[in-house]
Amino acid sequence: MSIETRDKIALIKTKHTATQLVRAGNLYFRHLEENPKELPTLAGYCLKAQVHPTNLRDYTVKHPKVHQQIETLALMQEQYCLINGIRNKANSIFAMFLLKSKHGFIDQPKTIEQHNTINLTPALMADAIALSEENKKKSGK
């Protein structure tokens, strides 16, 4: 890890305003637009904003705009993995891993159990038996 990166991460005790974080987030989003091959990450956001991930979680609770940016970042990451993984522009195995671990994708479809109950009246049951007997007589000929 470079000294510059360590210095940025060491800012864990630095206080940030929501405006500073939103501005840094916008700069990070612009950076991602200019570098479309780069995977959007929370670590990249934190380094650009010069905020520690632990503190960022606190800011997302206090500031809705920061929370919205983090949600947007997660969507961007999901889209990056889907699009680039399908087109083989990114490692498809890593894309699948990230989609499963961070975005809730699964390999197998969910099993759906359905329990149907039918209430048969005695009259309906008698009709069904009579129809069944008729079919037996017809097929016996």
Protein backbone atom coordinates (compact mmCIF):
# COMPACT_ATOMS: atom_id res chain seq x y z
CA MET A 1 0.00 0.00 0.00
CA SER A 2 1.40 3.39 -0.94
CA ILE A 3 2.08 6.15 1.58
CA GLU A 4 -0.56 8.30 -0.09
CA THR A 5 -3.19 5.59 0.37
CA ARG A 6 -2.21 5.09 4.01
CA ASP A 7 -2.46 8.84 4.60
CA LYS A 8 -5.94 8.89 3.12
CA ILE A 9 -7.11 5.92 5.18
CA ALA A 10 -5.57 7.44 8.32
CA LEU A 11 -8.20 10.18 8.14
CA ILE A 12 -10.54 8.03 10.21
CA LYS A 13 -10.93 10.78 12.83
CA THR A 14 -11.41 13.61 10.34
CA LYS A 15 -14.88 15.13 10.41
CA HIS A 16 -16.63 15.62 7.08
CA THR A 17 -19.74 17.52 6.12
CA ALA A 18 -22.43 16.06 3.92
CA THR A 19 -21.61 18.67 1.27
CA GLN A 20 -17.95 17.59 1.18
CA LEU A 21 -18.90 13.93 0.86
CA VAL A 22 -21.47 14.57 -1.86
CA ARG A 23 -18.96 16.69 -3.79
CA ALA A 24 -16.31 13.97 -3.46
CA GLY A 25 -18.87 11.36 -4.52
CA ASN A 26 -19.73 13.38 -7.61
CA LEU A 27 -16.02 13.60 -8.44
CA TYR A 28 -15.74 9.82 -8.07
CA PHE A 29 -18.76 9.27 -10.32
CA ARG A 30 -17.22 11.60 -12.92
CA HIS A 31 -13.94 9.65 -12.62
CA LEU A 32 -15.85 6.42 -13.27
CA GLU A 33 -17.52 7.93 -16.35
CA GLU A 34 -14.10 8.91 -17.69
CA ASN A 35 -12.70 5.43 -16.90
CA PRO A 36 -15.46 2.99 -17.89
CA LYS A 37 -13.19 -0.05 -17.44
CA GLU A 38 -12.81 0.69 -13.73
CA LEU A 39 -15.02 -1.25 -11.31
CA PRO A 40 -17.09 1.06 -9.06
CA THR A 41 -16.21 0.26 -5.45
CA LEU A 42 -16.91 1.57 -1.99
CA ALA A 43 -13.15 1.66 -1.39
CA GLY A 44 -12.73 3.95 -4.40
CA TYR A 45 -15.44 6.23 -3.06
CA CYS A 46 -13.80 6.32 0.39
CA LEU A 47 -10.39 7.13 -1.06
CA LYS A 48 -11.81 9.93 -3.21
CA ALA A 49 -13.78 11.34 -0.26
CA GLN A 50 -10.87 10.76 2.12
CA VAL A 51 -13.15 9.08 4.62
CA HIS A 52 -12.81 5.74 6.39
CA PRO A 53 -15.51 3.16 5.54
CA THR A 54 -16.55 2.92 9.20
CA ASN A 55 -17.22 6.65 9.33
CA LEU A 56 -18.96 6.55 5.96
CA ARG A 57 -21.56 4.17 7.39
CA ASP A 58 -22.28 6.73 10.13
CA TYR A 59 -22.60 9.51 7.54
CA THR A 60 -25.05 7.47 5.45
CA VAL A 61 -27.35 7.20 8.47
CA LYS A 62 -27.19 10.94 9.17
CA HIS A 63 -27.23 12.30 5.62
CA PRO A 64 -29.75 11.02 3.04
CA LYS A 65 -27.78 12.43 0.08
CA VAL A 66 -24.69 10.44 1.08
CA HIS A 67 -26.84 7.33 1.53
CA GLN A 68 -28.31 7.87 -1.94
CA GLN A 69 -24.81 8.11 -3.44
CA ILE A 70 -23.77 4.83 -1.80
CA GLU A 71 -26.93 3.17 -3.13
CA THR A 72 -26.15 4.54 -6.60
CA LEU A 73 -22.61 3.21 -6.30
CA ALA A 74 -23.96 -0.28 -5.49
CA LEU A 75 -26.24 -0.14 -8.53
CA MET A 76 -23.35 0.98 -10.73
CA GLN A 77 -21.25 -1.91 -9.46
CA GLU A 78 -24.06 -4.39 -10.13
CA GLN A 79 -24.57 -3.03 -13.65
CA TYR A 80 -20.82 -3.12 -14.34
CA CYS A 81 -20.65 -6.80 -13.32
CA LEU A 82 -23.73 -7.76 -15.32
CA ILE A 83 -22.86 -5.94 -18.54
CA ASN A 84 -19.12 -6.57 -18.57
CA GLY A 85 -19.44 -10.14 -17.29
CA ILE A 86 -21.90 -11.03 -20.05
CA ARG A 87 -19.80 -9.35 -22.73
CA ASN A 88 -16.58 -10.97 -21.40
CA LYS A 89 -15.02 -7.53 -20.91
CA ALA A 90 -14.45 -8.43 -17.26
CA ASN A 91 -13.57 -11.71 -15.59
CA SER A 92 -16.94 -13.46 -15.63
CA ILE A 93 -16.11 -15.67 -12.63
CA PHE A 94 -15.23 -12.63 -10.53
CA ALA A 95 -18.34 -10.83 -11.80
CA MET A 96 -20.50 -13.80 -10.73
CA PHE A 97 -18.75 -13.95 -7.34
CA LEU A 98 -19.35 -10.24 -6.73
CA LEU A 99 -22.99 -10.44 -7.83
CA LYS A 100 -23.60 -13.37 -5.49
CA SER A 101 -21.71 -12.01 -2.49
CA LYS A 102 -22.70 -8.34 -2.65
CA HIS A 103 -25.90 -8.14 -4.68
CA GLY A 104 -27.95 -11.18 -3.64
CA PHE A 105 -27.77 -13.19 -6.87
CA ILE A 106 -28.17 -16.98 -6.54
CA ASP A 107 -27.40 -20.00 -8.73
CA GLN A 108 -30.59 -21.95 -8.28
CA PRO A 109 -34.16 -20.74 -8.53
CA LYS A 110 -36.13 -20.63 -5.32
CA THR A 111 -38.36 -23.63 -4.68
CA ILE A 112 -41.99 -22.65 -4.46
CA GLU A 113 -44.31 -24.92 -2.52
CA GLN A 114 -48.00 -24.73 -3.19
CA HIS A 115 -50.62 -26.47 -1.10
CA ASN A 116 -54.10 -26.55 -2.58
CA THR A 117 -57.10 -27.75 -0.65
CA ILE A 118 -60.42 -28.53 -2.27
CA ASN A 119 -63.65 -28.72 -0.34
CA LEU A 120 -65.96 -31.23 -2.01
CA THR A 121 -69.63 -31.28 -1.16
CA PRO A 122 -71.35 -34.68 -0.99
CA ALA A 123 -73.38 -33.82 -4.09
CA LEU A 124 -70.26 -32.93 -6.09
CA MET A 125 -68.57 -36.13 -4.93
CA ALA A 126 -71.59 -38.20 -6.00
CA ASP A 127 -71.50 -36.56 -9.46
CA ALA A 128 -67.78 -37.30 -9.80
CA ILE A 129 -68.33 -40.97 -8.88
CA ALA A 130 -71.21 -41.29 -11.31
CA LEU A 131 -69.11 -39.71 -14.11
CA SER A 132 -66.24 -42.05 -13.33
CA GLU A 133 -68.53 -45.09 -13.50
CA GLU A 134 -69.93 -43.90 -16.83
CA ASN A 135 -66.40 -43.59 -18.24
CA LYS A 136 -65.58 -47.12 -17.05
CA LYS A 137 -68.70 -48.52 -18.77
CA LYS A 138 -67.87 -46.71 -22.04
CA SER A 139 -64.28 -47.90 -22.05
CA GLY A 140 -65.36 -51.46 -21.19
CA LYS A 141 -67.41 -51.84 -24.41
